[in-house]
Amino acid sequence: MELLQQILVYLILALAVGYIVKKFFLPKSLFAPKKGSTKACGQEDCGCH
C-alpha cells in the first residue's frame, strides 16, 4: 500500500510540475493552432484565446 501511495504522489507531482512549466515557461506559439485552421471564435479571430 505504501508503494502505491508513493507512486501516486510522484505522478501527481510530475503532472503539477509539467503544468507549471507549460503554463509559465514554454512559449505560447508552441501550442497555438496553425494559421490555416478554421476556428469558431466569433466574427473575427482576435487571437485572445
Protein backbone atom coordinates (compact mmCIF):
# COMPACT_ATOMS: atom_id res chain seq x y z
CA MET A 1 0.00 0.00 0.00
CA GLU A 2 2.86 2.35 0.80
CA LEU A 3 4.38 1.76 -2.64
CA LEU A 4 1.09 2.70 -4.34
CA GLN A 5 0.91 5.93 -2.34
CA GLN A 6 4.45 6.87 -3.33
CA ILE A 7 3.73 6.19 -6.99
CA LEU A 8 0.61 8.36 -6.86
CA VAL A 9 2.46 11.19 -5.08
CA TYR A 10 5.26 11.22 -7.66
CA LEU A 11 2.78 11.02 -10.52
CA ILE A 12 0.76 13.97 -9.20
CA LEU A 13 3.97 15.92 -8.56
CA ALA A 14 5.16 15.28 -12.13
CA LEU A 15 1.80 16.42 -13.54
CA ALA A 16 1.86 19.58 -11.43
CA VAL A 17 5.41 20.48 -12.43
CA GLY A 18 4.60 19.76 -16.07
CA TYR A 19 1.58 22.04 -15.93
CA ILE A 20 3.58 24.87 -14.36
CA VAL A 21 6.33 24.53 -16.95
CA LYS A 22 3.79 24.53 -19.80
CA LYS A 23 1.85 27.45 -18.36
CA PHE A 24 4.69 29.80 -17.44
CA PHE A 25 7.94 28.81 -19.16
CA LEU A 26 7.13 27.50 -22.64
CA PRO A 27 6.19 29.96 -25.40
CA LYS A 28 2.53 30.05 -26.34
CA SER A 29 3.44 29.71 -30.02
CA LEU A 30 4.17 26.01 -29.48
CA PHE A 31 0.54 25.36 -28.60
CA ALA A 32 -1.18 27.84 -30.94
CA PRO A 33 -3.23 26.39 -33.79
CA LYS A 34 -1.98 26.73 -37.34
CA LYS A 35 -2.98 29.87 -39.24
CA GLY A 36 -4.87 27.92 -41.89
CA SER A 37 -7.11 26.10 -39.42
CA THR A 38 -10.73 27.13 -39.02
CA LYS A 39 -11.77 28.24 -35.59
CA ALA A 40 -15.21 29.33 -34.42
CA CYS A 41 -14.24 32.35 -32.33
CA GLY A 42 -16.98 34.82 -33.17
CA GLN A 43 -16.90 37.20 -36.08
CA GLU A 44 -13.14 37.63 -36.28
CA ASP A 45 -10.15 35.83 -34.86
CA CYS A 46 -8.92 38.23 -32.21
CA GLY A 47 -6.11 35.96 -31.01
CA CYS A 48 -7.08 36.41 -27.38
CA HIS A 49 -7.60 32.70 -26.64
